[in-house]
Amino acid sequence: MGGAVKDIASKSELDNLRQSGAPIALHFWASWCDASKQMDQVFSHLATDFPRAHFFRVEAEEHPEISEAYSVSAVPFFVFFKDGKAVDTLEGADPSSLANKVAKIAGSSTSSEPAAPASLGLAAGPMILETVKENAKATVKDRAQPAPTTENLNDRLEKLTNSHPVMLFMKGTPEEPRCGFSRQVVGVLREENVDFGSFDILSDNEVREGLKKFSNWPTFPQLYCNGELLGGSDIVLEMQKSGELRQVLSEKGKQSLEDRLKTLINSEKVMLFMKGSPDEPKCGFSSKVVKALRDENVNFGSFDILSDEEVRQGIKSFSNWPTFPQLYYKGELVGGCDIIMELSNSGDLGATLSE
């Protein structure tokens, strides 16, 4: 990313820069966010057009102490400083507003004229502006689509945070972490021989953004024990050094297998325990049940019993049903493949799963 934009490495560095009293524009961005990258191009052009101001950027999730200090919960996000104080903010991809806010802190102190959007067009270039505008249109279109209510999302997050006694929300997977902080926490948990579940927040932006508000914690990774947030990377590392992590996880992490199975079974109204995933079943019986449910347009959750031997063996005894797949409705076992196919062939499957 070009222009005169510089990266901030620490909160202390930013604090020192603020004390100079010079006008500062600060861009919180993320490498996974296309809107951040495109707005950063606009930001770089503005840095050239407004040499009196200093332009800095922070990768939001790599510097949680800075993000938390300015209540950053989404990117792109901009903070504007003048005379050592934060005087304005901007959330989202809005090139004209960005130019106007930069002009207010960097323009003549006797002038209250905002930056003309036309000047931004000369600065940023038509291709960049057009891309940002198209993304803005796409965002509006997405918002026009029916979306899960906050209550429904919170229910989902509640179930996810309780899906394992110890649950890590991270970038990537334990086998392939996609950021250094996630890798550190995975390493700590493995050093402590802790069994834990994980969720890749890069795979689901709704969960990613929702969890920040749900937990009032703006960065990742996030570690939960029995549904309660322990903290992020710094806290987990501090707890390990003091010996507190092992104690907390041993005391709180003793959720029985039966409790865990109940949580999983009730995590969705219709829940299928199968081999593989609905998109990639790993046995013919699981594939048949998935097809039957989809033919009836039934929304259902699933759990891959091949991914967790404890669940695989435990649910056989819990349900007194020795084979897979197993289909549950409102926490009650409906049956396996044969029963589901009989219900499907008789036309009773949809009614059974909607009573």
Protein backbone atom coordinates (compact mmCIF):
# COMPACT_ATOMS: atom_id res chain seq x y z
CA MET A 1 0.00 0.00 0.00
CA GLY A 2 1.55 3.26 -1.18
CA GLY A 3 1.57 6.96 -0.42
CA ALA A 4 2.94 8.26 2.88
CA VAL A 5 0.99 5.79 5.01
CA LYS A 6 3.00 4.15 7.80
CA ASP A 7 2.21 1.14 9.96
CA ILE A 8 1.78 1.51 13.72
CA ALA A 9 3.60 -1.19 15.68
CA SER A 10 2.34 -0.51 19.22
CA LYS A 11 -0.03 1.58 21.32
CA SER A 12 2.91 3.39 22.91
CA GLU A 13 4.11 4.45 19.46
CA LEU A 14 0.66 5.86 18.66
CA ASP A 15 0.50 7.64 22.03
CA ASN A 16 3.85 9.30 21.36
CA LEU A 17 2.72 10.42 17.90
CA ARG A 18 -0.48 11.89 19.32
CA GLN A 19 1.45 13.96 21.84
CA SER A 20 3.03 15.89 18.97
CA GLY A 21 -0.36 17.53 18.40
CA ALA A 22 -0.10 17.08 14.63
CA PRO A 23 -3.24 16.09 12.67
CA ILE A 24 -3.37 12.29 12.36
CA ALA A 25 -5.63 9.97 10.36
CA LEU A 26 -5.59 6.35 11.53
CA HIS A 27 -6.97 3.46 9.47
CA PHE A 28 -7.91 0.19 11.19
CA TRP A 29 -7.93 -2.51 8.51
CA ALA A 30 -7.83 -6.29 8.02
CA SER A 31 -6.08 -8.33 5.35
CA TRP A 32 -9.19 -10.48 4.78
CA CYS A 33 -11.47 -7.48 4.11
CA ASP A 34 -11.64 -6.28 0.48
CA ALA A 35 -13.30 -3.01 1.52
CA SER A 36 -10.35 -2.30 3.83
CA LYS A 37 -7.85 -2.85 1.04
CA GLN A 38 -9.74 -0.63 -1.38
CA MET A 39 -10.25 2.15 1.16
CA ASP A 40 -6.57 1.95 1.99
CA GLN A 41 -5.81 2.90 -1.62
CA VAL A 42 -8.02 5.98 -1.19
CA PHE A 43 -6.29 6.62 2.15
CA SER A 44 -2.85 6.49 0.47
CA HIS A 45 -3.88 9.00 -2.20
CA LEU A 46 -5.21 11.34 0.48
CA ALA A 47 -1.87 11.07 2.28
CA THR A 48 -0.25 12.56 -0.82
CA ASP A 49 -2.88 15.30 -1.16
CA PHE A 50 -2.71 16.37 2.51
CA PRO A 51 1.01 16.54 3.40
CA ARG A 52 0.32 18.46 6.64
CA ALA A 53 -1.35 15.42 8.18
CA HIS A 54 0.18 12.12 9.24
CA PHE A 55 -1.45 8.94 7.94
CA PHE A 56 -1.11 5.65 9.80
CA ARG A 57 -2.74 2.26 9.66
CA VAL A 58 -3.23 -0.57 12.15
CA GLU A 59 -4.13 -4.18 11.35
CA ALA A 60 -7.00 -4.32 13.83
CA GLU A 61 -6.86 -7.95 14.90
CA GLU A 62 -3.07 -8.02 15.14
CA HIS A 63 -3.05 -5.13 17.64
CA PRO A 64 -5.96 -5.75 20.05
CA GLU A 65 -4.70 -3.23 22.62
CA ILE A 66 -5.06 -0.41 20.08
CA SER A 67 -8.38 -1.68 18.68
CA GLU A 68 -9.86 -1.95 22.16
CA ALA A 69 -8.70 1.56 23.05
CA TYR A 70 -10.77 3.00 20.18
CA SER A 71 -13.74 0.57 20.37
CA VAL A 72 -13.09 -0.90 16.93
CA SER A 73 -15.64 -3.64 16.20
CA ALA A 74 -15.63 -3.63 12.37
CA VAL A 75 -13.32 -2.65 9.52
CA PRO A 76 -12.59 -0.42 7.72
CA PHE A 77 -12.60 2.04 10.63
CA PHE A 78 -10.91 5.43 10.81
CA VAL A 79 -10.01 7.65 13.77
CA PHE A 80 -9.02 11.31 13.31
CA PHE A 81 -6.81 13.20 15.77
CA LYS A 82 -6.10 16.89 16.21
CA ASP A 83 -4.12 18.59 18.97
CA GLY A 84 -3.52 15.20 20.56
CA LYS A 85 -7.20 14.28 20.86
CA ALA A 86 -9.48 11.96 18.91
CA VAL A 87 -12.00 14.33 17.31
CA ASP A 88 -13.90 12.12 14.85
CA THR A 89 -14.38 8.58 13.54
CA LEU A 90 -15.67 6.89 10.40
CA GLU A 91 -16.85 3.31 9.96
CA GLY A 92 -17.26 1.68 6.56
CA ALA A 93 -16.25 2.32 2.95
CA ASP A 94 -17.21 5.94 2.25
CA PRO A 95 -14.50 7.73 0.21
CA SER A 96 -16.17 11.17 0.19
CA SER A 97 -16.72 11.19 3.95
CA LEU A 98 -13.14 10.06 4.45
CA ALA A 99 -11.85 12.96 2.33
CA ASN A 100 -14.04 15.48 4.17
CA LYS A 101 -12.95 14.29 7.61
CA VAL A 102 -9.28 14.34 6.61
CA ALA A 103 -9.70 17.90 5.29
CA LYS A 104 -11.23 19.02 8.60
CA ILE A 105 -8.15 18.00 10.56
CA ALA A 106 -5.53 18.77 7.90
CA GLY A 107 -6.91 21.87 6.18
CA SER A 108 -6.39 25.50 7.16
CA SER A 109 -7.47 26.18 10.75
CA THR A 110 -9.44 29.23 9.57
CA SER A 111 -11.36 27.34 6.90
CA SER A 112 -14.42 25.23 7.55
CA GLU A 113 -14.88 24.25 3.92
CA PRO A 114 -15.18 20.47 3.50
CA ALA A 115 -13.13 18.62 0.92
CA ALA A 116 -15.03 18.44 -2.34
CA PRO A 117 -15.86 14.89 -3.36
CA ALA A 118 -14.71 15.83 -6.87
CA SER A 119 -11.18 16.41 -5.57
CA LEU A 120 -11.26 12.91 -4.16
CA GLY A 121 -12.00 11.61 -7.62
CA LEU A 122 -8.78 13.22 -8.87
CA ALA A 123 -6.87 11.90 -5.90
CA ALA A 124 -8.08 8.34 -5.81
CA GLY A 125 -8.66 7.68 -9.47
CA PRO A 126 -11.87 6.51 -11.14
CA MET A 127 -11.11 2.78 -10.97
CA ILE A 128 -10.62 2.78 -7.21
CA LEU A 129 -13.69 4.90 -6.56
CA GLU A 130 -15.81 2.77 -8.85
CA THR A 131 -14.71 -0.39 -7.03
CA VAL A 132 -15.51 1.11 -3.64
CA LYS A 133 -18.91 2.30 -4.89
CA GLU A 134 -19.74 -1.14 -6.28
CA ASN A 135 -18.84 -2.70 -2.96
CA ALA A 136 -21.07 -0.21 -1.19
CA LYS A 137 -23.95 -1.16 -3.50
CA ALA A 138 -23.33 -4.83 -2.79
CA THR A 139 -23.39 -4.13 0.94
CA VAL A 140 -26.73 -2.33 0.64
CA LYS A 141 -28.10 -5.22 -1.42
CA ASP A 142 -26.92 -7.72 1.20
CA ARG A 143 -28.58 -5.70 3.94
CA ALA A 144 -31.84 -5.73 2.02
CA GLN A 145 -31.94 -9.53 2.21
CA PRO A 146 -33.67 -11.13 5.19
CA ALA A 147 -31.06 -11.61 7.91
CA PRO A 148 -31.13 -13.55 11.16
CA THR A 149 -32.39 -11.47 14.05
CA THR A 150 -30.00 -10.53 16.83
CA GLU A 151 -31.88 -12.94 19.07
CA ASN A 152 -31.39 -15.81 16.63
CA LEU A 153 -27.72 -14.96 16.17
CA ASN A 154 -27.22 -14.78 19.93
CA ASP A 155 -28.85 -18.20 20.28
CA ARG A 156 -26.43 -19.56 17.72
CA LEU A 157 -23.44 -17.98 19.45
CA GLU A 158 -24.62 -19.31 22.79
CA LYS A 159 -24.72 -22.82 21.34
CA LEU A 160 -21.34 -22.45 19.66
CA THR A 161 -19.58 -21.15 22.77
CA ASN A 162 -21.06 -24.07 24.73
CA SER A 163 -20.45 -26.75 22.08
CA HIS A 164 -17.25 -27.89 23.86
CA PRO A 165 -16.14 -27.48 27.48
CA VAL A 166 -13.14 -25.54 26.13
CA MET A 167 -13.87 -23.70 22.88
CA LEU A 168 -11.47 -21.58 20.82
CA PHE A 169 -12.64 -19.08 18.20
CA MET A 170 -9.62 -18.52 16.00
CA LYS A 171 -8.33 -17.67 12.54
CA GLY A 172 -7.91 -20.93 10.67
CA THR A 173 -7.80 -24.35 12.32
CA PRO A 174 -5.59 -25.84 15.05
CA GLU A 175 -3.70 -27.71 12.31
CA GLU A 176 -3.39 -24.60 10.11
CA PRO A 177 -3.64 -21.38 12.16
CA ARG A 178 -3.84 -18.26 10.00
CA CYS A 179 -2.45 -15.72 12.46
CA GLY A 180 0.34 -15.70 15.01
CA PHE A 181 -1.93 -15.07 18.00
CA SER A 182 -4.18 -18.04 17.16
CA ARG A 183 -1.07 -20.20 16.73
CA GLN A 184 0.19 -19.15 20.16
CA VAL A 185 -3.06 -20.05 21.93
CA VAL A 186 -3.27 -23.42 20.16
CA GLY A 187 0.31 -24.09 21.27
CA VAL A 188 -0.53 -23.22 24.87
CA LEU A 189 -3.59 -25.47 24.96
CA ARG A 190 -1.61 -28.35 23.49
CA GLU A 191 1.22 -27.83 25.98
CA GLU A 192 -1.36 -28.10 28.75
CA ASN A 193 -2.87 -31.24 27.13
CA VAL A 194 -6.28 -29.57 26.96
CA ASP A 195 -8.98 -31.08 24.74
CA PHE A 196 -10.71 -28.22 22.95
CA GLY A 197 -13.08 -27.48 20.12
CA SER A 198 -12.45 -24.72 17.61
CA PHE A 199 -14.29 -22.51 15.13
CA ASP A 200 -12.65 -20.77 12.18
CA ILE A 201 -14.03 -17.22 12.31
CA LEU A 202 -12.68 -16.57 8.80
CA SER A 203 -15.26 -19.04 7.49
CA ASP A 204 -18.32 -17.18 8.82
CA ASN A 205 -18.41 -13.38 8.95
CA GLU A 206 -21.77 -13.36 10.77
CA VAL A 207 -20.24 -15.31 13.66
CA ARG A 208 -17.04 -13.26 13.45
CA GLU A 209 -18.79 -9.89 13.83
CA GLY A 210 -21.55 -11.15 16.11
CA LEU A 211 -19.16 -12.68 18.61
CA LYS A 212 -17.34 -9.37 19.08
CA LYS A 213 -20.54 -7.82 20.45
CA PHE A 214 -21.76 -11.00 22.16
CA SER A 215 -18.58 -11.21 24.24
CA ASN A 216 -17.76 -7.48 24.25
CA TRP A 217 -14.31 -8.47 23.01
CA PRO A 218 -13.29 -6.98 19.63
CA THR A 219 -10.39 -9.23 18.63
CA PHE A 220 -9.47 -12.86 18.01
CA PRO A 221 -8.64 -15.48 19.12
CA GLN A 222 -11.20 -15.82 21.93
CA LEU A 223 -11.06 -18.72 24.39
CA TYR A 224 -14.18 -19.94 26.23
CA CYS A 225 -14.59 -22.41 29.06
CA ASN A 226 -18.09 -23.77 29.71
CA GLY A 227 -19.51 -20.89 27.68
CA GLU A 228 -17.64 -18.18 29.61
CA LEU A 229 -15.01 -16.01 27.94
CA LEU A 230 -11.55 -16.39 29.45
CA GLY A 231 -9.91 -13.89 27.11
CA GLY A 232 -7.66 -13.45 24.12
CA SER A 233 -4.06 -14.28 23.36
CA ASP A 234 -2.41 -12.00 25.93
CA ILE A 235 -4.62 -13.17 28.80
CA VAL A 236 -4.23 -16.85 27.92
CA LEU A 237 -0.43 -16.50 27.79
CA GLU A 238 -0.37 -14.66 31.12
CA MET A 239 -2.60 -17.31 32.72
CA GLN A 240 -0.28 -20.05 31.50
CA LYS A 241 2.81 -18.32 32.89
CA SER A 242 1.18 -17.92 36.31
CA GLY A 243 -0.17 -21.48 36.34
CA GLU A 244 -3.72 -20.15 36.55
CA LEU A 245 -4.77 -21.52 33.16
CA ARG A 246 -4.29 -25.16 34.15
CA GLN A 247 -6.18 -24.60 37.39
CA VAL A 248 -9.10 -22.80 35.74
CA LEU A 249 -9.48 -25.33 32.95
CA SER A 250 -9.25 -28.29 35.31
CA GLU A 251 -11.92 -26.80 37.59
CA LYS A 252 -14.29 -25.47 34.96
CA GLY A 253 -13.61 -27.93 32.15
CA LYS A 254 -15.07 -30.98 33.85
CA GLN A 255 -18.31 -30.90 31.93
CA SER A 256 -19.52 -34.49 31.73
CA LEU A 257 -19.78 -36.28 28.40
CA GLU A 258 -23.52 -36.56 28.95
CA ASP A 259 -23.85 -32.79 29.36
CA ARG A 260 -21.81 -32.27 26.21
CA LEU A 261 -23.98 -34.69 24.23
CA LYS A 262 -27.14 -32.94 25.45
CA THR A 263 -25.69 -29.60 24.34
CA LEU A 264 -24.82 -30.98 20.90
CA ILE A 265 -28.16 -32.73 20.38
CA ASN A 266 -30.06 -29.57 21.29
CA SER A 267 -27.80 -27.21 19.33
CA GLU A 268 -30.29 -27.27 16.42
CA LYS A 269 -34.00 -28.07 16.21
CA VAL A 270 -33.16 -30.82 13.69
CA MET A 271 -29.72 -32.31 14.32
CA LEU A 272 -28.00 -35.03 12.30
CA PHE A 273 -25.04 -37.02 13.60
CA MET A 274 -23.40 -38.40 10.51
CA LYS A 275 -20.16 -39.49 8.89
CA GLY A 276 -18.70 -36.48 7.12
CA SER A 277 -20.59 -33.28 6.36
CA PRO A 278 -23.83 -32.62 4.42
CA ASP A 279 -21.77 -31.39 1.47
CA GLU A 280 -19.28 -34.27 1.72
CA PRO A 281 -20.92 -37.34 3.29
CA LYS A 282 -18.49 -40.17 3.99
CA CYS A 283 -20.94 -43.06 3.87
CA GLY A 284 -23.93 -43.97 1.72
CA PHE A 285 -26.40 -44.04 4.62
CA SER A 286 -25.48 -40.52 5.71
CA SER A 287 -25.77 -39.36 2.09
CA LYS A 288 -29.28 -40.82 1.83
CA VAL A 289 -30.51 -39.06 4.97
CA VAL A 290 -29.02 -35.72 3.89
CA LYS A 291 -30.81 -36.04 0.52
CA ALA A 292 -34.12 -36.91 2.21
CA LEU A 293 -33.89 -33.86 4.48
CA ARG A 294 -32.98 -31.57 1.61
CA ASP A 295 -35.81 -32.95 -0.53
CA GLU A 296 -38.17 -31.86 2.26
CA ASN A 297 -36.42 -28.45 2.53
CA VAL A 298 -35.64 -29.16 6.19
CA ASN A 299 -33.09 -26.89 7.85
CA PHE A 300 -30.77 -28.99 9.98
CA GLY A 301 -27.50 -28.92 11.84
CA SER A 302 -24.93 -31.68 11.63
CA PHE A 303 -22.01 -33.16 13.52
CA ASP A 304 -19.28 -35.28 11.94
CA ILE A 305 -18.86 -38.22 14.32
CA LEU A 306 -15.61 -39.15 12.54
CA SER A 307 -14.07 -35.96 13.96
CA ASP A 308 -14.63 -36.85 17.64
CA GLU A 309 -14.30 -40.42 18.92
CA GLU A 310 -15.60 -39.49 22.38
CA VAL A 311 -18.88 -38.20 20.91
CA ARG A 312 -19.07 -41.11 18.47
CA GLN A 313 -18.91 -43.75 21.21
CA GLY A 314 -20.76 -41.76 23.85
CA ILE A 315 -23.85 -41.05 21.78
CA LYS A 316 -24.32 -44.76 21.05
CA SER A 317 -24.88 -45.39 24.76
CA PHE A 318 -26.68 -42.10 25.33
CA SER A 319 -29.31 -42.85 22.67
CA ASN A 320 -29.15 -46.64 22.94
CA TRP A 321 -28.66 -46.67 19.16
CA PRO A 322 -25.48 -48.39 17.93
CA THR A 323 -25.21 -47.10 14.36
CA PHE A 324 -24.99 -43.89 12.34
CA PRO A 325 -26.44 -41.65 11.06
CA GLN A 326 -28.73 -40.61 13.92
CA LEU A 327 -31.36 -37.90 13.46
CA TYR A 328 -32.74 -35.88 16.38
CA TYR A 329 -35.70 -33.52 16.52
CA LYS A 330 -36.09 -31.17 19.49
CA GLY A 331 -33.55 -33.25 21.41
CA GLU A 332 -35.33 -36.57 20.81
CA LEU A 333 -34.01 -39.41 18.63
CA VAL A 334 -36.08 -39.93 15.48
CA GLY A 335 -33.99 -42.82 14.21
CA GLY A 336 -31.37 -43.96 11.74
CA CYS A 337 -31.26 -44.31 7.99
CA ASP A 338 -33.95 -47.00 7.64
CA ILE A 339 -36.52 -45.13 9.73
CA ILE A 340 -35.81 -41.83 7.98
CA MET A 341 -36.18 -43.43 4.55
CA GLU A 342 -39.49 -45.06 5.60
CA LEU A 343 -40.80 -41.69 6.79
CA SER A 344 -39.60 -40.09 3.56
CA ASN A 345 -41.19 -42.73 1.33
CA SER A 346 -44.51 -42.51 3.19
CA GLY A 347 -44.53 -38.71 2.97
CA ASP A 348 -44.42 -38.33 6.77
CA LEU A 349 -40.89 -36.99 7.21
CA GLY A 350 -41.76 -33.31 6.81
CA ALA A 351 -44.68 -33.57 9.22
CA THR A 352 -42.60 -35.48 11.78
CA LEU A 353 -39.98 -32.74 11.81
CA SER A 354 -42.46 -29.87 12.11
CA GLU A 355 -44.76 -31.03 14.89
